[in-house]
N, C-alpha and C. Protein backbone atom coordinates (compact mmCIF):
# COMPACT_ATOMS: atom_id res chain seq x y z
N MET A 1 -0.25 -6.44 -5.81
CA MET A 1 -1.62 -6.17 -5.43
C MET A 1 -1.85 -4.68 -5.52
N PHE A 2 -3.04 -4.34 -5.82
CA PHE A 2 -3.36 -2.94 -6.05
C PHE A 2 -4.69 -2.59 -5.42
N SER A 3 -4.93 -1.29 -5.33
CA SER A 3 -6.22 -0.82 -4.84
C SER A 3 -7.21 -0.79 -6.00
N THR A 4 -8.45 -0.58 -5.67
CA THR A 4 -9.49 -0.50 -6.70
C THR A 4 -9.32 0.74 -7.57
N PHE A 5 -8.46 1.67 -7.15
CA PHE A 5 -8.27 2.90 -7.90
C PHE A 5 -7.14 2.80 -8.93
N CYS A 6 -6.37 1.73 -8.91
CA CYS A 6 -5.24 1.57 -9.84
C CYS A 6 -5.78 1.13 -11.20
N LYS A 7 -5.66 2.01 -12.18
CA LYS A 7 -6.14 1.73 -13.53
C LYS A 7 -5.02 1.74 -14.56
N LYS A 8 -3.86 2.24 -14.18
CA LYS A 8 -2.71 2.30 -15.08
C LYS A 8 -1.51 1.75 -14.37
N PRO A 9 -0.63 1.06 -15.03
CA PRO A 9 -0.72 0.66 -16.42
C PRO A 9 -1.86 -0.34 -16.64
N GLU A 10 -2.12 -0.62 -17.86
CA GLU A 10 -3.22 -1.52 -18.22
C GLU A 10 -3.15 -2.85 -17.49
N GLU A 11 -1.93 -3.35 -17.24
CA GLU A 11 -1.76 -4.64 -16.56
C GLU A 11 -2.30 -4.60 -15.13
N ALA A 12 -2.36 -3.41 -14.53
CA ALA A 12 -2.86 -3.30 -13.15
C ALA A 12 -4.31 -3.75 -13.03
N LYS A 13 -5.07 -3.60 -14.09
CA LYS A 13 -6.48 -4.01 -14.05
C LYS A 13 -6.65 -5.52 -13.91
N LYS A 14 -5.59 -6.27 -14.25
CA LYS A 14 -5.65 -7.73 -14.19
C LYS A 14 -5.19 -8.29 -12.84
N LEU A 15 -4.61 -7.45 -12.01
CA LEU A 15 -4.07 -7.89 -10.71
C LEU A 15 -5.16 -7.88 -9.63
N PRO A 16 -4.99 -8.67 -8.59
CA PRO A 16 -5.98 -8.69 -7.50
C PRO A 16 -6.12 -7.30 -6.88
N GLN A 17 -7.35 -6.89 -6.65
CA GLN A 17 -7.62 -5.61 -6.01
C GLN A 17 -8.05 -5.88 -4.58
N VAL A 18 -7.22 -5.43 -3.66
CA VAL A 18 -7.44 -5.76 -2.25
C VAL A 18 -8.32 -4.76 -1.52
N GLY A 19 -8.65 -3.65 -2.15
CA GLY A 19 -9.52 -2.69 -1.48
C GLY A 19 -9.30 -1.29 -1.98
N GLY A 20 -9.80 -0.33 -1.20
CA GLY A 20 -9.66 1.07 -1.55
C GLY A 20 -8.74 1.77 -0.58
N TYR A 21 -8.86 3.08 -0.51
CA TYR A 21 -7.97 3.87 0.30
C TYR A 21 -8.16 3.62 1.81
N LEU A 22 -9.38 3.30 2.20
CA LEU A 22 -9.68 3.10 3.62
C LEU A 22 -10.28 1.74 3.94
N SER A 23 -10.31 0.85 2.98
CA SER A 23 -10.94 -0.45 3.21
C SER A 23 -10.08 -1.56 2.63
N VAL A 24 -10.25 -2.75 3.19
CA VAL A 24 -9.47 -3.91 2.75
C VAL A 24 -10.40 -5.12 2.62
N ASN A 25 -10.22 -5.89 1.56
CA ASN A 25 -10.89 -7.17 1.44
C ASN A 25 -9.91 -8.20 2.02
N TYR A 26 -10.13 -8.60 3.28
CA TYR A 26 -9.18 -9.46 3.96
C TYR A 26 -9.09 -10.85 3.35
N GLU A 27 -10.14 -11.31 2.72
CA GLU A 27 -10.09 -12.61 2.06
C GLU A 27 -9.04 -12.60 0.94
N ILE A 28 -9.06 -11.54 0.14
CA ILE A 28 -8.07 -11.43 -0.94
C ILE A 28 -6.68 -11.16 -0.36
N LEU A 29 -6.59 -10.26 0.61
CA LEU A 29 -5.30 -9.93 1.20
C LEU A 29 -4.66 -11.15 1.85
N ASP A 30 -5.43 -11.91 2.60
CA ASP A 30 -4.91 -13.12 3.23
C ASP A 30 -4.39 -14.12 2.21
N SER A 31 -5.09 -14.25 1.08
CA SER A 31 -4.69 -15.21 0.07
C SER A 31 -3.37 -14.81 -0.60
N LEU A 32 -3.06 -13.51 -0.62
CA LEU A 32 -1.84 -13.04 -1.28
C LEU A 32 -0.61 -13.11 -0.37
N LYS A 33 -0.83 -13.19 0.93
CA LYS A 33 0.27 -13.30 1.91
C LYS A 33 1.37 -12.25 1.68
N PRO A 34 1.02 -10.96 1.73
CA PRO A 34 2.04 -9.93 1.50
C PRO A 34 3.07 -9.90 2.62
N ASN A 35 4.31 -9.58 2.27
CA ASN A 35 5.33 -9.46 3.31
C ASN A 35 5.50 -8.02 3.78
N LEU A 36 4.92 -7.06 3.06
CA LEU A 36 4.98 -5.66 3.45
C LEU A 36 3.82 -4.91 2.81
N ILE A 37 3.17 -4.06 3.60
CA ILE A 37 2.09 -3.22 3.09
C ILE A 37 2.49 -1.77 3.31
N LEU A 38 2.47 -0.98 2.24
CA LEU A 38 2.83 0.43 2.31
C LEU A 38 1.57 1.27 2.37
N LEU A 39 1.51 2.19 3.31
CA LEU A 39 0.38 3.11 3.47
C LEU A 39 0.94 4.49 3.73
N ASP A 40 0.05 5.50 3.74
CA ASP A 40 0.51 6.79 4.23
C ASP A 40 0.08 6.95 5.67
N SER A 41 0.68 7.90 6.33
CA SER A 41 0.42 8.04 7.77
C SER A 41 -0.67 9.06 8.08
N GLY A 42 -1.39 9.49 7.09
CA GLY A 42 -2.47 10.44 7.30
C GLY A 42 -3.75 9.73 7.70
N ILE A 43 -4.73 9.82 6.85
CA ILE A 43 -6.04 9.25 7.12
C ILE A 43 -6.00 7.72 7.18
N GLN A 44 -4.95 7.11 6.68
CA GLN A 44 -4.82 5.65 6.71
C GLN A 44 -4.22 5.14 8.03
N ASN A 45 -4.00 6.00 9.00
CA ASN A 45 -3.45 5.56 10.28
C ASN A 45 -4.27 4.46 10.92
N ALA A 46 -5.58 4.62 10.97
CA ALA A 46 -6.44 3.61 11.59
C ALA A 46 -6.31 2.28 10.86
N LEU A 47 -6.26 2.32 9.54
CA LEU A 47 -6.11 1.11 8.75
C LEU A 47 -4.74 0.47 9.03
N ALA A 48 -3.71 1.29 9.13
CA ALA A 48 -2.37 0.76 9.43
C ALA A 48 -2.36 0.04 10.77
N PHE A 49 -2.98 0.61 11.80
CA PHE A 49 -3.05 -0.04 13.11
C PHE A 49 -3.84 -1.35 13.03
N GLU A 50 -4.94 -1.33 12.29
CA GLU A 50 -5.77 -2.55 12.14
C GLU A 50 -4.98 -3.66 11.46
N LEU A 51 -4.30 -3.33 10.37
CA LEU A 51 -3.50 -4.31 9.65
C LEU A 51 -2.38 -4.86 10.54
N ASN A 52 -1.75 -3.97 11.29
CA ASN A 52 -0.68 -4.39 12.19
C ASN A 52 -1.21 -5.31 13.28
N ARG A 53 -2.37 -5.00 13.84
CA ARG A 53 -2.99 -5.87 14.87
C ARG A 53 -3.30 -7.25 14.31
N LYS A 54 -3.60 -7.31 13.02
CA LYS A 54 -3.91 -8.59 12.39
C LYS A 54 -2.63 -9.35 11.97
N GLY A 55 -1.46 -8.78 12.26
CA GLY A 55 -0.22 -9.49 12.01
C GLY A 55 0.51 -9.13 10.74
N TYR A 56 0.03 -8.14 10.00
CA TYR A 56 0.70 -7.74 8.76
C TYR A 56 1.84 -6.78 9.07
N ASN A 57 2.91 -6.85 8.29
CA ASN A 57 3.98 -5.87 8.37
C ASN A 57 3.56 -4.64 7.60
N VAL A 58 3.51 -3.52 8.29
CA VAL A 58 3.01 -2.28 7.70
C VAL A 58 4.09 -1.20 7.81
N PHE A 59 4.27 -0.47 6.72
CA PHE A 59 5.18 0.68 6.74
C PHE A 59 4.38 1.91 6.32
N PRO A 60 4.01 2.77 7.28
CA PRO A 60 3.29 4.00 6.93
C PRO A 60 4.27 5.12 6.60
N PHE A 61 4.22 5.60 5.37
CA PHE A 61 5.02 6.74 4.98
C PHE A 61 4.42 8.00 5.58
N PRO A 62 5.24 8.93 6.05
CA PRO A 62 4.69 10.22 6.49
C PRO A 62 4.08 10.94 5.29
N LEU A 63 3.07 11.72 5.53
CA LEU A 63 2.46 12.48 4.43
C LEU A 63 3.48 13.45 3.85
N PRO A 64 3.58 13.51 2.51
CA PRO A 64 4.53 14.44 1.91
C PRO A 64 4.08 15.88 2.12
N GLN A 65 5.03 16.76 2.27
CA GLN A 65 4.74 18.18 2.44
C GLN A 65 4.81 18.93 1.11
N SER A 66 5.25 18.23 0.05
CA SER A 66 5.37 18.85 -1.26
C SER A 66 5.38 17.76 -2.32
N LEU A 67 5.31 18.16 -3.58
CA LEU A 67 5.43 17.21 -4.67
C LEU A 67 6.80 16.55 -4.62
N TYR A 68 7.81 17.29 -4.25
CA TYR A 68 9.14 16.74 -4.11
C TYR A 68 9.15 15.63 -3.06
N GLY A 69 8.42 15.82 -1.99
CA GLY A 69 8.34 14.81 -0.94
C GLY A 69 7.74 13.51 -1.46
N SER A 70 6.70 13.60 -2.28
CA SER A 70 6.09 12.40 -2.86
C SER A 70 7.10 11.65 -3.71
N ASN A 71 7.87 12.36 -4.50
CA ASN A 71 8.88 11.74 -5.33
C ASN A 71 9.96 11.08 -4.48
N GLY A 72 10.28 11.70 -3.35
CA GLY A 72 11.28 11.13 -2.45
C GLY A 72 10.84 9.79 -1.90
N TYR A 73 9.56 9.63 -1.59
CA TYR A 73 9.05 8.35 -1.09
C TYR A 73 9.15 7.28 -2.17
N TYR A 74 8.81 7.65 -3.40
CA TYR A 74 8.92 6.70 -4.50
C TYR A 74 10.37 6.23 -4.64
N ASN A 75 11.30 7.17 -4.60
CA ASN A 75 12.71 6.81 -4.73
C ASN A 75 13.18 5.95 -3.57
N CYS A 76 12.66 6.21 -2.36
CA CYS A 76 13.03 5.40 -1.20
C CYS A 76 12.60 3.96 -1.41
N VAL A 77 11.39 3.75 -1.86
CA VAL A 77 10.88 2.40 -2.09
C VAL A 77 11.70 1.73 -3.19
N ARG A 78 11.92 2.43 -4.28
CA ARG A 78 12.66 1.86 -5.41
C ARG A 78 14.09 1.53 -5.02
N SER A 79 14.76 2.44 -4.33
CA SER A 79 16.17 2.23 -4.04
C SER A 79 16.40 1.16 -2.97
N ASN A 80 15.39 0.90 -2.15
CA ASN A 80 15.55 -0.13 -1.12
C ASN A 80 15.05 -1.49 -1.59
N SER A 81 14.73 -1.61 -2.87
CA SER A 81 14.34 -2.88 -3.49
C SER A 81 13.14 -3.54 -2.82
N PHE A 82 12.18 -2.73 -2.34
CA PHE A 82 10.94 -3.32 -1.86
C PHE A 82 10.23 -3.97 -3.03
N CYS A 83 9.71 -5.12 -2.82
CA CYS A 83 8.97 -5.82 -3.88
C CYS A 83 7.49 -5.65 -3.61
N ILE A 84 6.81 -4.91 -4.44
CA ILE A 84 5.38 -4.70 -4.29
C ILE A 84 4.71 -5.45 -5.43
N ARG A 85 3.93 -6.45 -5.10
CA ARG A 85 3.29 -7.19 -6.17
C ARG A 85 1.81 -7.29 -5.93
C-alpha cells in the first residue's frame, strides 16, 4: 500500500492508495488488513496515535537528523524483513 504521493516505481501507481501524509482512507486501509504501518514521529504523531487507537500496529520512526539517518531507517526496515505491501 502506498500514499497518494508515491509515483515511482511505475508499479506503485497501480497499488491501492490509502491516503496522504496526514490523512487515511480507512475504507481502503481496513480492506487491506495491514499487519504493520510505518510512520515518522514528527508531524505524523497524531495520525500514529489515531491508528493505534483504532487497533492498527504502528511503528513511528524518529525523525532523521541527517541524510545518513534516513538511510539508516531504510536499512533497518530492509534488514528486519518487514513486509510492506
